Amino acid sequence: MGTVKCIIFDLDDTLVESGSIWVAAQKRLFTILGSPYHPEWFTEYLGMNAMDAGKLTHRKLSVTTYSPEECGLMLRQFLLAEFDGKAAPMPGAEELIPLLSRFYALSIASGSPQEVIAQVIQARHWDSFFSSFVSSEEVPHGKPEPDVFLEAAQRLRVPPDRALVIEDGLNGIRAARKAGMYGFLVKNPIDHQTALEADRSFLSLSCITLDDIQSLQ
């Protein structure tokens, strides 16, 4: 792997505090399906898009009243209804993004729908910093498969081995590794299982420095 030329950010709970929005949407789906919410399943959903998360819920609950696709579409609908683009930035995001944009091409690759990513970029006035963004709904397979990160790098015209992914979850770090990219984990508290698979781990975006990125070889 070589010198980093682009940085690809996850969105949810990496750039903005939106995990609670996903939980609210999931709770609505569980209610429709006649089941109590299972918070212990939340980490399994991290990095997934709404369609994949809905299908996983269908399988885990052995749903018979709706198809897997219907569960995915309902979760996506609920997510769009809950998400108004006003999610607060994660600590350090507002400072790190402009800094990194001076040296690297930046992209967002997320399981959130395109509409949500666009809302966040517009609401936070990040338009001038990000060259592009990709939802995993646009590619054949969501995280932990590498498709969304490979698409993001291709749109930036950067080889995968020159890309750094910044993520908060195991599915995302695994997708980055499968793509042949560097992976930084940002999580507070640090998830030690995920940290073992990342190149570096940080408690917040405010802890990441240019030296941390430039030292990757």
N, C-alpha and C. Protein backbone atom coordinates (compact mmCIF):
# COMPACT_ATOMS: atom_id res chain seq x y z
N MET A 1 0.84 -1.19 0.00
CA MET A 1 0.00 0.00 0.00
C MET A 1 0.88 1.25 0.00
N GLY A 2 0.36 2.33 -0.58
CA GLY A 2 1.18 3.52 -0.75
C GLY A 2 0.65 4.72 0.01
N THR A 3 1.14 5.87 -0.41
CA THR A 3 0.76 7.11 0.23
C THR A 3 -0.72 7.39 0.02
N VAL A 4 -1.40 7.83 1.06
CA VAL A 4 -2.84 8.11 1.00
C VAL A 4 -3.11 9.30 0.09
N LYS A 5 -4.07 9.13 -0.83
CA LYS A 5 -4.47 10.18 -1.75
C LYS A 5 -5.91 10.65 -1.52
N CYS A 6 -6.72 9.80 -0.89
CA CYS A 6 -8.10 10.20 -0.61
C CYS A 6 -8.54 9.62 0.72
N ILE A 7 -9.54 10.25 1.31
CA ILE A 7 -10.09 9.79 2.59
C ILE A 7 -11.59 9.63 2.42
N ILE A 8 -12.08 8.46 2.80
CA ILE A 8 -13.50 8.12 2.65
C ILE A 8 -14.09 7.96 4.05
N PHE A 9 -15.06 8.78 4.37
CA PHE A 9 -15.71 8.76 5.68
C PHE A 9 -17.01 7.97 5.63
N ASP A 10 -17.25 7.19 6.68
CA ASP A 10 -18.60 6.74 6.96
C ASP A 10 -19.37 7.96 7.46
N LEU A 11 -20.70 7.88 7.47
CA LEU A 11 -21.52 9.01 7.91
C LEU A 11 -22.04 8.84 9.33
N ASP A 12 -22.85 7.80 9.54
CA ASP A 12 -23.59 7.66 10.79
C ASP A 12 -22.69 7.34 11.97
N ASP A 13 -22.72 8.22 12.96
CA ASP A 13 -21.92 8.12 14.18
C ASP A 13 -20.42 8.14 13.90
N THR A 14 -20.05 8.54 12.69
CA THR A 14 -18.66 8.84 12.36
C THR A 14 -18.52 10.33 12.12
N LEU A 15 -19.35 10.88 11.22
CA LEU A 15 -19.36 12.32 10.97
C LEU A 15 -20.47 13.03 11.72
N VAL A 16 -21.63 12.39 11.86
CA VAL A 16 -22.75 13.00 12.59
C VAL A 16 -23.36 12.01 13.57
N GLU A 17 -23.96 12.56 14.62
CA GLU A 17 -24.58 11.73 15.65
C GLU A 17 -25.98 11.31 15.19
N SER A 18 -26.04 10.19 14.51
CA SER A 18 -27.31 9.76 13.93
C SER A 18 -27.71 8.34 14.33
N GLY A 19 -26.95 7.72 15.21
CA GLY A 19 -27.32 6.38 15.65
C GLY A 19 -28.71 6.34 16.26
N SER A 20 -29.08 7.38 17.01
CA SER A 20 -30.40 7.42 17.65
C SER A 20 -31.51 7.51 16.62
N ILE A 21 -31.22 8.12 15.47
CA ILE A 21 -32.21 8.22 14.40
C ILE A 21 -32.48 6.84 13.81
N TRP A 22 -31.41 6.07 13.60
CA TRP A 22 -31.57 4.70 13.12
C TRP A 22 -32.34 3.86 14.13
N VAL A 23 -32.05 4.03 15.42
CA VAL A 23 -32.76 3.26 16.45
C VAL A 23 -34.25 3.59 16.43
N ALA A 24 -34.59 4.88 16.29
CA ALA A 24 -36.00 5.27 16.25
C ALA A 24 -36.71 4.63 15.06
N ALA A 25 -36.04 4.61 13.90
CA ALA A 25 -36.63 3.98 12.71
C ALA A 25 -36.79 2.47 12.91
N GLN A 26 -35.77 1.84 13.50
CA GLN A 26 -35.85 0.40 13.76
C GLN A 26 -36.96 0.07 14.74
N LYS A 27 -37.13 0.89 15.76
CA LYS A 27 -38.20 0.65 16.73
C LYS A 27 -39.57 0.70 16.06
N ARG A 28 -39.74 1.62 15.11
CA ARG A 28 -41.01 1.69 14.39
C ARG A 28 -41.24 0.42 13.59
N LEU A 29 -40.18 -0.10 12.96
CA LEU A 29 -40.32 -1.34 12.21
C LEU A 29 -40.66 -2.51 13.13
N PHE A 30 -39.97 -2.62 14.26
CA PHE A 30 -40.26 -3.70 15.20
C PHE A 30 -41.70 -3.64 15.68
N THR A 31 -42.21 -2.44 15.92
CA THR A 31 -43.60 -2.28 16.35
C THR A 31 -44.56 -2.80 15.29
N ILE A 32 -44.32 -2.43 14.04
CA ILE A 32 -45.15 -2.91 12.93
C ILE A 32 -45.13 -4.43 12.86
N LEU A 33 -43.96 -5.02 13.16
CA LEU A 33 -43.80 -6.47 13.08
C LEU A 33 -44.27 -7.18 14.35
N GLY A 34 -44.76 -6.41 15.32
CA GLY A 34 -45.32 -7.00 16.53
C GLY A 34 -44.28 -7.56 17.49
N SER A 35 -43.09 -6.96 17.48
CA SER A 35 -42.02 -7.46 18.33
C SER A 35 -41.45 -6.34 19.19
N PRO A 36 -41.01 -6.64 20.40
CA PRO A 36 -40.25 -5.64 21.16
C PRO A 36 -38.92 -5.38 20.47
N TYR A 37 -38.38 -4.19 20.68
CA TYR A 37 -37.09 -3.86 20.09
C TYR A 37 -35.98 -4.62 20.79
N HIS A 38 -34.98 -5.05 20.02
CA HIS A 38 -33.84 -5.79 20.57
C HIS A 38 -32.58 -4.93 20.45
N PRO A 39 -32.26 -4.13 21.46
CA PRO A 39 -31.09 -3.24 21.36
C PRO A 39 -29.78 -4.01 21.22
N GLU A 40 -29.75 -5.26 21.68
CA GLU A 40 -28.52 -6.04 21.57
C GLU A 40 -28.18 -6.38 20.13
N TRP A 41 -29.10 -6.20 19.21
CA TRP A 41 -28.84 -6.45 17.79
C TRP A 41 -28.25 -5.25 17.09
N PHE A 42 -28.19 -4.09 17.76
CA PHE A 42 -27.83 -2.84 17.10
C PHE A 42 -26.47 -2.93 16.41
N THR A 43 -25.49 -3.53 17.08
CA THR A 43 -24.14 -3.57 16.49
C THR A 43 -24.11 -4.38 15.20
N GLU A 44 -25.03 -5.33 15.06
CA GLU A 44 -25.08 -6.12 13.82
C GLU A 44 -25.52 -5.26 12.63
N TYR A 45 -26.31 -4.21 12.92
CA TYR A 45 -26.83 -3.36 11.86
C TYR A 45 -25.83 -2.29 11.42
N LEU A 46 -24.79 -2.04 12.24
CA LEU A 46 -23.87 -0.94 11.95
C LEU A 46 -23.25 -1.09 10.56
N GLY A 47 -23.38 -0.03 9.77
CA GLY A 47 -22.82 -0.02 8.42
C GLY A 47 -23.76 -0.53 7.34
N MET A 48 -24.82 -1.24 7.74
CA MET A 48 -25.76 -1.76 6.75
C MET A 48 -26.64 -0.64 6.20
N ASN A 49 -27.13 -0.80 4.97
CA ASN A 49 -28.16 0.11 4.49
C ASN A 49 -29.52 -0.36 4.97
N ALA A 50 -30.53 0.47 4.76
CA ALA A 50 -31.86 0.18 5.30
C ALA A 50 -32.44 -1.11 4.74
N MET A 51 -32.21 -1.37 3.45
CA MET A 51 -32.76 -2.58 2.85
C MET A 51 -32.15 -3.83 3.48
N ASP A 52 -30.83 -3.82 3.64
CA ASP A 52 -30.16 -4.98 4.23
C ASP A 52 -30.55 -5.16 5.70
N ALA A 53 -30.65 -4.04 6.43
CA ALA A 53 -31.03 -4.11 7.84
C ALA A 53 -32.46 -4.62 7.99
N GLY A 54 -33.35 -4.19 7.10
CA GLY A 54 -34.72 -4.67 7.15
C GLY A 54 -34.81 -6.16 6.85
N LYS A 55 -34.02 -6.62 5.89
CA LYS A 55 -34.01 -8.05 5.57
C LYS A 55 -33.43 -8.87 6.72
N LEU A 56 -32.41 -8.32 7.40
CA LEU A 56 -31.85 -9.02 8.55
C LEU A 56 -32.88 -9.12 9.67
N THR A 57 -33.63 -8.05 9.90
CA THR A 57 -34.68 -8.08 10.91
C THR A 57 -35.73 -9.12 10.57
N HIS A 58 -36.11 -9.18 9.30
CA HIS A 58 -37.09 -10.18 8.83
C HIS A 58 -36.61 -11.58 9.16
N ARG A 59 -35.33 -11.85 8.91
CA ARG A 59 -34.79 -13.18 9.16
C ARG A 59 -34.70 -13.49 10.66
N LYS A 60 -34.23 -12.52 11.43
CA LYS A 60 -34.03 -12.76 12.86
C LYS A 60 -35.36 -12.93 13.60
N LEU A 61 -36.41 -12.25 13.13
CA LEU A 61 -37.72 -12.35 13.77
C LEU A 61 -38.60 -13.42 13.13
N SER A 62 -38.11 -14.07 12.07
CA SER A 62 -38.90 -15.09 11.34
C SER A 62 -40.27 -14.54 10.95
N VAL A 63 -40.26 -13.37 10.33
CA VAL A 63 -41.50 -12.68 9.96
C VAL A 63 -42.21 -13.43 8.84
N THR A 64 -43.52 -13.55 8.96
CA THR A 64 -44.32 -14.21 7.92
C THR A 64 -45.34 -13.26 7.28
N THR A 65 -45.62 -12.13 7.94
CA THR A 65 -46.65 -11.21 7.46
C THR A 65 -46.13 -10.25 6.40
N TYR A 66 -44.83 -10.08 6.30
CA TYR A 66 -44.22 -9.20 5.30
C TYR A 66 -43.02 -9.91 4.67
N SER A 67 -42.68 -9.52 3.46
CA SER A 67 -41.50 -10.08 2.79
C SER A 67 -40.25 -9.37 3.29
N PRO A 68 -39.08 -9.94 3.04
CA PRO A 68 -37.84 -9.25 3.41
C PRO A 68 -37.72 -7.87 2.74
N GLU A 69 -38.13 -7.79 1.49
CA GLU A 69 -38.05 -6.52 0.77
C GLU A 69 -38.99 -5.49 1.38
N GLU A 70 -40.18 -5.92 1.79
CA GLU A 70 -41.13 -5.00 2.41
C GLU A 70 -40.59 -4.46 3.73
N CYS A 71 -39.91 -5.31 4.48
CA CYS A 71 -39.31 -4.86 5.75
C CYS A 71 -38.22 -3.83 5.47
N GLY A 72 -37.43 -4.06 4.44
CA GLY A 72 -36.40 -3.10 4.08
C GLY A 72 -36.97 -1.77 3.63
N LEU A 73 -38.02 -1.82 2.83
CA LEU A 73 -38.64 -0.59 2.34
C LEU A 73 -39.29 0.19 3.48
N MET A 74 -39.90 -0.52 4.43
CA MET A 74 -40.50 0.17 5.58
C MET A 74 -39.43 0.85 6.42
N LEU A 75 -38.32 0.15 6.68
CA LEU A 75 -37.26 0.75 7.47
C LEU A 75 -36.69 1.98 6.77
N ARG A 76 -36.54 1.90 5.46
CA ARG A 76 -36.03 3.05 4.71
C ARG A 76 -36.99 4.22 4.81
N GLN A 77 -38.28 3.95 4.70
CA GLN A 77 -39.30 5.00 4.81
C GLN A 77 -39.26 5.65 6.19
N PHE A 78 -39.15 4.83 7.23
CA PHE A 78 -39.11 5.36 8.59
C PHE A 78 -37.84 6.16 8.82
N LEU A 79 -36.74 5.73 8.24
CA LEU A 79 -35.47 6.43 8.39
C LEU A 79 -35.55 7.82 7.76
N LEU A 80 -36.11 7.89 6.56
CA LEU A 80 -36.25 9.18 5.89
C LEU A 80 -37.17 10.11 6.67
N ALA A 81 -38.19 9.54 7.31
CA ALA A 81 -39.11 10.35 8.10
C ALA A 81 -38.45 10.88 9.37
N GLU A 82 -37.56 10.09 9.96
CA GLU A 82 -36.92 10.48 11.21
C GLU A 82 -35.76 11.45 10.98
N PHE A 83 -35.14 11.38 9.81
CA PHE A 83 -33.91 12.11 9.55
C PHE A 83 -34.24 13.45 8.89
N ASP A 84 -33.93 14.54 9.56
CA ASP A 84 -34.22 15.85 8.99
C ASP A 84 -32.96 16.61 8.58
N GLY A 85 -31.82 15.93 8.64
CA GLY A 85 -30.57 16.56 8.22
C GLY A 85 -29.93 17.43 9.27
N LYS A 86 -30.53 17.48 10.46
CA LYS A 86 -30.01 18.37 11.50
C LYS A 86 -29.20 17.63 12.56
N ALA A 87 -28.76 16.43 12.27
CA ALA A 87 -27.95 15.67 13.22
C ALA A 87 -26.68 16.45 13.55
N ALA A 88 -26.31 16.46 14.81
CA ALA A 88 -25.13 17.21 15.25
C ALA A 88 -23.86 16.54 14.75
N PRO A 89 -22.84 17.32 14.44
CA PRO A 89 -21.57 16.72 14.02
C PRO A 89 -20.90 16.00 15.17
N MET A 90 -20.18 14.95 14.87
CA MET A 90 -19.40 14.26 15.88
C MET A 90 -18.25 15.15 16.32
N PRO A 91 -17.76 14.98 17.56
CA PRO A 91 -16.65 15.82 18.04
C PRO A 91 -15.45 15.80 17.09
N GLY A 92 -15.01 16.98 16.72
CA GLY A 92 -13.84 17.11 15.85
C GLY A 92 -14.15 17.17 14.37
N ALA A 93 -15.38 16.83 13.97
CA ALA A 93 -15.70 16.76 12.54
C ALA A 93 -15.58 18.12 11.86
N GLU A 94 -16.11 19.16 12.49
CA GLU A 94 -16.11 20.48 11.86
C GLU A 94 -14.70 21.04 11.68
N GLU A 95 -13.76 20.59 12.50
CA GLU A 95 -12.39 21.05 12.37
C GLU A 95 -11.57 20.17 11.43
N LEU A 96 -11.80 18.84 11.50
CA LEU A 96 -10.99 17.91 10.72
C LEU A 96 -11.30 17.97 9.23
N ILE A 97 -12.57 18.08 8.88
CA ILE A 97 -12.96 18.03 7.46
C ILE A 97 -12.31 19.15 6.64
N PRO A 98 -12.41 20.41 7.05
CA PRO A 98 -11.74 21.46 6.26
C PRO A 98 -10.23 21.28 6.20
N LEU A 99 -9.64 20.83 7.29
CA LEU A 99 -8.19 20.60 7.29
C LEU A 99 -7.80 19.55 6.27
N LEU A 100 -8.45 18.40 6.31
CA LEU A 100 -8.09 17.30 5.41
C LEU A 100 -8.38 17.64 3.96
N SER A 101 -9.41 18.45 3.71
CA SER A 101 -9.77 18.79 2.33
C SER A 101 -8.68 19.60 1.64
N ARG A 102 -7.78 20.19 2.41
CA ARG A 102 -6.66 20.95 1.83
C ARG A 102 -5.60 20.03 1.24
N PHE A 103 -5.59 18.77 1.67
CA PHE A 103 -4.52 17.85 1.28
C PHE A 103 -5.01 16.59 0.56
N TYR A 104 -6.30 16.25 0.75
CA TYR A 104 -6.82 15.00 0.20
C TYR A 104 -8.18 15.21 -0.45
N ALA A 105 -8.50 14.36 -1.41
CA ALA A 105 -9.86 14.28 -1.93
C ALA A 105 -10.71 13.56 -0.89
N LEU A 106 -11.89 14.08 -0.62
CA LEU A 106 -12.76 13.51 0.42
C LEU A 106 -14.07 12.99 -0.17
N SER A 107 -14.55 11.89 0.40
CA SER A 107 -15.83 11.31 0.00
C SER A 107 -16.53 10.76 1.23
N ILE A 108 -17.83 10.57 1.10
CA ILE A 108 -18.63 9.88 2.12
C ILE A 108 -19.18 8.61 1.48
N ALA A 109 -19.02 7.48 2.18
CA ALA A 109 -19.58 6.21 1.72
C ALA A 109 -20.34 5.60 2.89
N SER A 110 -21.66 5.54 2.75
CA SER A 110 -22.51 5.22 3.91
C SER A 110 -23.63 4.28 3.54
N GLY A 111 -24.16 3.60 4.56
CA GLY A 111 -25.35 2.79 4.38
C GLY A 111 -26.62 3.62 4.34
N SER A 112 -26.54 4.89 4.74
CA SER A 112 -27.71 5.76 4.69
C SER A 112 -28.14 6.02 3.25
N PRO A 113 -29.42 6.29 3.02
CA PRO A 113 -29.88 6.61 1.67
C PRO A 113 -29.19 7.86 1.13
N GLN A 114 -29.16 7.97 -0.21
CA GLN A 114 -28.57 9.14 -0.86
C GLN A 114 -29.19 10.43 -0.35
N GLU A 115 -30.51 10.41 -0.16
CA GLU A 115 -31.20 11.62 0.28
C GLU A 115 -30.69 12.10 1.63
N VAL A 116 -30.40 11.15 2.52
CA VAL A 116 -29.92 11.48 3.85
C VAL A 116 -28.51 12.08 3.78
N ILE A 117 -27.64 11.45 3.01
CA ILE A 117 -26.27 11.95 2.90
C ILE A 117 -26.29 13.37 2.33
N ALA A 118 -27.07 13.58 1.28
CA ALA A 118 -27.16 14.91 0.67
C ALA A 118 -27.71 15.93 1.66
N GLN A 119 -28.70 15.54 2.47
CA GLN A 119 -29.26 16.43 3.49
C GLN A 119 -28.19 16.88 4.47
N VAL A 120 -27.40 15.92 4.94
CA VAL A 120 -26.36 16.24 5.93
C VAL A 120 -25.33 17.19 5.34
N ILE A 121 -24.85 16.88 4.13
CA ILE A 121 -23.83 17.72 3.49
C ILE A 121 -24.34 19.15 3.33
N GLN A 122 -25.60 19.28 2.91
CA GLN A 122 -26.17 20.61 2.71
C GLN A 122 -26.39 21.32 4.05
N ALA A 123 -26.94 20.61 5.03
CA ALA A 123 -27.25 21.22 6.32
C ALA A 123 -25.99 21.69 7.05
N ARG A 124 -24.90 20.94 6.87
CA ARG A 124 -23.66 21.27 7.58
C ARG A 124 -22.72 22.13 6.73
N HIS A 125 -23.16 22.48 5.50
CA HIS A 125 -22.38 23.32 4.60
C HIS A 125 -21.02 22.68 4.27
N TRP A 126 -21.07 21.38 3.99
CA TRP A 126 -19.86 20.64 3.66
C TRP A 126 -19.69 20.45 2.15
N ASP A 127 -20.51 21.13 1.37
CA ASP A 127 -20.51 20.93 -0.08
C ASP A 127 -19.13 21.13 -0.70
N SER A 128 -18.40 22.11 -0.22
CA SER A 128 -17.12 22.44 -0.84
C SER A 128 -16.00 21.50 -0.42
N PHE A 129 -16.25 20.65 0.57
CA PHE A 129 -15.20 19.77 1.07
C PHE A 129 -15.24 18.38 0.46
N PHE A 130 -16.43 17.88 0.14
CA PHE A 130 -16.57 16.51 -0.35
C PHE A 130 -16.76 16.50 -1.85
N SER A 131 -15.87 15.77 -2.54
CA SER A 131 -15.92 15.69 -4.00
C SER A 131 -17.09 14.85 -4.48
N SER A 132 -17.51 13.89 -3.65
CA SER A 132 -18.60 12.99 -4.03
C SER A 132 -19.10 12.26 -2.80
N PHE A 133 -20.20 11.55 -2.97
CA PHE A 133 -20.66 10.65 -1.90
C PHE A 133 -21.37 9.47 -2.54
N VAL A 134 -21.39 8.36 -1.80
CA VAL A 134 -21.98 7.12 -2.31
C VAL A 134 -22.80 6.47 -1.20
N SER A 135 -23.99 6.04 -1.53
CA SER A 135 -24.78 5.19 -0.64
C SER A 135 -24.59 3.74 -1.06
N SER A 136 -24.55 2.83 -0.08
CA SER A 136 -24.40 1.42 -0.44
C SER A 136 -25.65 0.89 -1.13
N GLU A 137 -26.73 1.70 -1.16
CA GLU A 137 -27.90 1.32 -1.96
C GLU A 137 -27.58 1.36 -3.46
N GLU A 138 -26.50 2.04 -3.82
CA GLU A 138 -26.14 2.20 -5.24
C GLU A 138 -25.26 1.07 -5.77
N VAL A 139 -24.80 0.19 -4.89
CA VAL A 139 -23.87 -0.87 -5.30
C VAL A 139 -24.49 -2.23 -5.00
N PRO A 140 -23.95 -3.30 -5.58
CA PRO A 140 -24.57 -4.62 -5.41
C PRO A 140 -24.62 -5.11 -3.98
N HIS A 141 -23.59 -4.83 -3.20
CA HIS A 141 -23.52 -5.38 -1.85
C HIS A 141 -23.11 -4.29 -0.86
N GLY A 142 -23.80 -4.25 0.29
CA GLY A 142 -23.45 -3.31 1.34
C GLY A 142 -22.33 -3.83 2.21
N LYS A 143 -21.92 -3.02 3.17
CA LYS A 143 -20.90 -3.42 4.13
C LYS A 143 -21.40 -4.66 4.89
N PRO A 144 -20.56 -5.64 5.21
CA PRO A 144 -19.09 -5.61 5.22
C PRO A 144 -18.41 -5.93 3.89
N GLU A 145 -19.18 -6.02 2.79
CA GLU A 145 -18.54 -6.18 1.49
C GLU A 145 -17.95 -4.82 1.07
N PRO A 146 -16.94 -4.83 0.19
CA PRO A 146 -16.18 -3.61 -0.08
C PRO A 146 -16.77 -2.69 -1.14
N ASP A 147 -17.90 -3.07 -1.74
CA ASP A 147 -18.41 -2.40 -2.93
C ASP A 147 -18.51 -0.87 -2.80
N VAL A 148 -19.07 -0.39 -1.69
CA VAL A 148 -19.32 1.05 -1.57
C VAL A 148 -18.02 1.84 -1.48
N PHE A 149 -17.00 1.27 -0.83
CA PHE A 149 -15.72 1.97 -0.74
C PHE A 149 -14.98 1.94 -2.07
N LEU A 150 -15.08 0.82 -2.78
CA LEU A 150 -14.45 0.74 -4.09
C LEU A 150 -15.09 1.73 -5.06
N GLU A 151 -16.41 1.88 -4.98
CA GLU A 151 -17.11 2.85 -5.83
C GLU A 151 -16.69 4.28 -5.48
N ALA A 152 -16.55 4.55 -4.18
CA ALA A 152 -16.15 5.90 -3.75
C ALA A 152 -14.76 6.23 -4.29
N ALA A 153 -13.83 5.29 -4.18
CA ALA A 153 -12.46 5.52 -4.67
C ALA A 153 -12.45 5.68 -6.19
N GLN A 154 -13.27 4.88 -6.88
CA GLN A 154 -13.32 4.98 -8.34
C GLN A 154 -13.82 6.36 -8.77
N ARG A 155 -14.83 6.88 -8.07
CA ARG A 155 -15.35 8.20 -8.42
C ARG A 155 -14.31 9.29 -8.18
N LEU A 156 -13.43 9.06 -7.22
CA LEU A 156 -12.36 10.03 -6.96
C LEU A 156 -11.13 9.77 -7.83
N ARG A 157 -11.17 8.67 -8.61
CA ARG A 157 -10.06 8.27 -9.48
C ARG A 157 -8.77 8.03 -8.68
N VAL A 158 -8.95 7.33 -7.57
CA VAL A 158 -7.83 6.99 -6.70
C VAL A 158 -7.78 5.48 -6.55
N PRO A 159 -6.62 4.84 -6.71
CA PRO A 159 -6.52 3.40 -6.50
C PRO A 159 -6.89 3.02 -5.06
N PRO A 160 -7.51 1.87 -4.86
CA PRO A 160 -7.92 1.47 -3.51
C PRO A 160 -6.79 1.49 -2.49
N ASP A 161 -5.59 1.11 -2.91
CA ASP A 161 -4.50 1.05 -1.95
C ASP A 161 -3.94 2.42 -1.56
N ARG A 162 -4.53 3.47 -2.14
CA ARG A 162 -4.15 4.84 -1.75
C ARG A 162 -5.29 5.52 -1.00
N ALA A 163 -6.26 4.72 -0.54
CA ALA A 163 -7.44 5.28 0.15
C ALA A 163 -7.42 4.93 1.63
N LEU A 164 -7.86 5.87 2.44
CA LEU A 164 -8.05 5.67 3.88
C LEU A 164 -9.53 5.78 4.19
N VAL A 165 -10.07 4.79 4.91
CA VAL A 165 -11.45 4.81 5.35
C VAL A 165 -11.49 5.14 6.84
N ILE A 166 -12.39 6.04 7.22
CA ILE A 166 -12.60 6.37 8.63
C ILE A 166 -13.99 5.91 9.00
N GLU A 167 -14.06 5.00 9.97
CA GLU A 167 -15.28 4.27 10.29
C GLU A 167 -15.50 4.15 11.81
N ASP A 168 -16.72 3.77 12.19
CA ASP A 168 -17.01 3.56 13.61
C ASP A 168 -17.43 2.13 13.92
N GLY A 169 -17.52 1.26 12.92
CA GLY A 169 -18.05 -0.08 13.16
C GLY A 169 -17.26 -1.20 12.50
N LEU A 170 -17.49 -2.40 12.99
CA LEU A 170 -16.78 -3.57 12.49
C LEU A 170 -17.09 -3.84 11.03
N ASN A 171 -18.37 -3.74 10.64
CA ASN A 171 -18.72 -3.98 9.24
C ASN A 171 -17.96 -3.04 8.31
N GLY A 172 -17.82 -1.79 8.71
CA GLY A 172 -17.13 -0.81 7.89
C GLY A 172 -15.63 -1.06 7.80
N ILE A 173 -15.02 -1.39 8.92
CA ILE A 173 -13.58 -1.68 8.92
C ILE A 173 -13.30 -2.92 8.08
N ARG A 174 -14.15 -3.93 8.20
CA ARG A 174 -13.95 -5.14 7.40
C ARG A 174 -14.13 -4.85 5.91
N ALA A 175 -15.08 -3.98 5.59
CA ALA A 175 -15.28 -3.61 4.18
C ALA A 175 -14.05 -2.88 3.65
N ALA A 176 -13.47 -2.01 4.46
CA ALA A 176 -12.27 -1.28 4.05
C ALA A 176 -11.11 -2.24 3.81
N ARG A 177 -10.94 -3.21 4.70
CA ARG A 177 -9.84 -4.16 4.54
C ARG A 177 -10.04 -5.02 3.29
N LYS A 178 -11.30 -5.44 3.04
CA LYS A 178 -11.57 -6.23 1.83
C LYS A 178 -11.30 -5.42 0.57
N ALA A 179 -11.48 -4.10 0.66
CA ALA A 179 -11.24 -3.23 -0.48
C ALA A 179 -9.75 -2.97 -0.69
N GLY A 180 -8.91 -3.41 0.26
CA GLY A 180 -7.48 -3.16 0.16
C GLY A 180 -7.10 -1.75 0.58
N MET A 181 -7.92 -1.16 1.47
CA MET A 181 -7.71 0.21 1.92
C MET A 181 -7.24 0.25 3.37
N TYR A 182 -6.65 1.36 3.76
CA TYR A 182 -6.36 1.60 5.17
C TYR A 182 -7.67 1.84 5.91
N GLY A 183 -7.67 1.54 7.21
CA GLY A 183 -8.87 1.76 8.00
C GLY A 183 -8.56 2.34 9.37
N PHE A 184 -9.15 3.50 9.68
CA PHE A 184 -9.08 4.10 11.00
C PHE A 184 -10.42 3.88 11.70
N LEU A 185 -10.37 3.39 12.92
CA LEU A 185 -11.57 3.26 13.74
C LEU A 185 -11.68 4.47 14.65
N VAL A 186 -12.87 5.08 14.67
CA VAL A 186 -13.15 6.18 15.60
C VAL A 186 -14.35 5.77 16.43
N LYS A 187 -14.13 5.52 17.71
CA LYS A 187 -15.19 4.99 18.57
C LYS A 187 -14.88 5.32 20.03
N ASN A 188 -15.88 5.78 20.74
CA ASN A 188 -15.72 6.06 22.17
C ASN A 188 -16.89 5.44 22.94
N PRO A 189 -16.61 4.38 23.74
CA PRO A 189 -15.29 3.80 23.99
C PRO A 189 -14.83 2.94 22.80
N ILE A 190 -13.54 2.68 22.75
CA ILE A 190 -12.97 1.85 21.70
C ILE A 190 -13.53 0.44 21.77
N ASP A 191 -13.97 -0.07 20.63
CA ASP A 191 -14.37 -1.48 20.55
C ASP A 191 -13.12 -2.29 20.21
N HIS A 192 -12.66 -3.08 21.17
CA HIS A 192 -11.35 -3.71 21.02
C HIS A 192 -11.32 -4.78 19.93
N GLN A 193 -12.43 -5.47 19.70
CA GLN A 193 -12.48 -6.45 18.62
C GLN A 193 -12.27 -5.75 17.27
N THR A 194 -12.98 -4.63 17.08
CA THR A 194 -12.84 -3.90 15.83
C THR A 194 -11.47 -3.26 15.71
N ALA A 195 -10.93 -2.79 16.83
CA ALA A 195 -9.61 -2.14 16.82
C ALA A 195 -8.52 -3.08 16.32
N LEU A 196 -8.68 -4.37 16.59
CA LEU A 196 -7.69 -5.34 16.14
C LEU A 196 -7.61 -5.41 14.62
N GLU A 197 -8.71 -5.06 13.95
CA GLU A 197 -8.75 -5.16 12.49
C GLU A 197 -8.47 -3.83 11.79
N ALA A 198 -8.36 -2.75 12.58
CA ALA A 198 -8.10 -1.42 12.03
C ALA A 198 -6.60 -1.12 12.07
N ASP A 199 -6.17 -0.17 11.23
CA ASP A 199 -4.77 0.26 11.27
C ASP A 199 -4.48 1.09 12.51
N ARG A 200 -5.42 1.95 12.87
CA ARG A 200 -5.28 2.78 14.05
C ARG A 200 -6.66 2.97 14.67
N SER A 201 -6.70 3.29 15.96
CA SER A 201 -7.97 3.54 16.64
C SER A 201 -7.89 4.86 17.39
N PHE A 202 -9.00 5.61 17.38
CA PHE A 202 -9.06 6.92 18.00
C PHE A 202 -10.39 7.07 18.76
N LEU A 203 -10.36 7.84 19.82
CA LEU A 203 -11.58 8.07 20.60
C LEU A 203 -12.50 9.08 19.93
N SER A 204 -11.96 9.96 19.11
CA SER A 204 -12.78 10.92 18.38
C SER A 204 -12.02 11.43 17.17
N LEU A 205 -12.74 12.10 16.28
CA LEU A 205 -12.10 12.68 15.10
C LEU A 205 -11.09 13.75 15.50
N SER A 206 -11.31 14.38 16.64
CA SER A 206 -10.41 15.44 17.09
C SER A 206 -9.03 14.90 17.45
N CYS A 207 -8.91 13.59 17.60
CA CYS A 207 -7.62 12.97 17.93
C CYS A 207 -6.77 12.67 16.70
N ILE A 208 -7.37 12.72 15.52
CA ILE A 208 -6.64 12.39 14.29
C ILE A 208 -5.83 13.59 13.82
N THR A 209 -4.57 13.36 13.49
CA THR A 209 -3.71 14.42 12.99
C THR A 209 -3.22 14.09 11.58
N LEU A 210 -2.69 15.09 10.91
CA LEU A 210 -2.10 14.86 9.58
C LEU A 210 -0.96 13.85 9.67
N ASP A 211 -0.20 13.91 10.75
CA ASP A 211 0.90 12.96 10.92
C ASP A 211 0.41 11.52 10.96
N ASP A 212 -0.76 11.30 11.58
CA ASP A 212 -1.31 9.94 11.65
C ASP A 212 -1.57 9.40 10.25
N ILE A 213 -2.03 10.26 9.37
CA ILE A 213 -2.34 9.84 8.00
C ILE A 213 -1.08 9.74 7.16
N GLN A 214 -0.22 10.71 7.28
CA GLN A 214 0.99 10.74 6.47
C GLN A 214 1.97 9.62 6.83
N SER A 215 1.82 9.06 8.03
CA SER A 215 2.71 7.96 8.46
C SER A 215 2.31 6.62 7.89
N LEU A 216 1.13 6.54 7.26
CA LEU A 216 0.67 5.28 6.67
C LEU A 216 1.46 5.00 5.41
N GLN A 217 2.06 3.81 5.34
CA GLN A 217 2.84 3.41 4.17
C GLN A 217 2.55 1.94 3.87
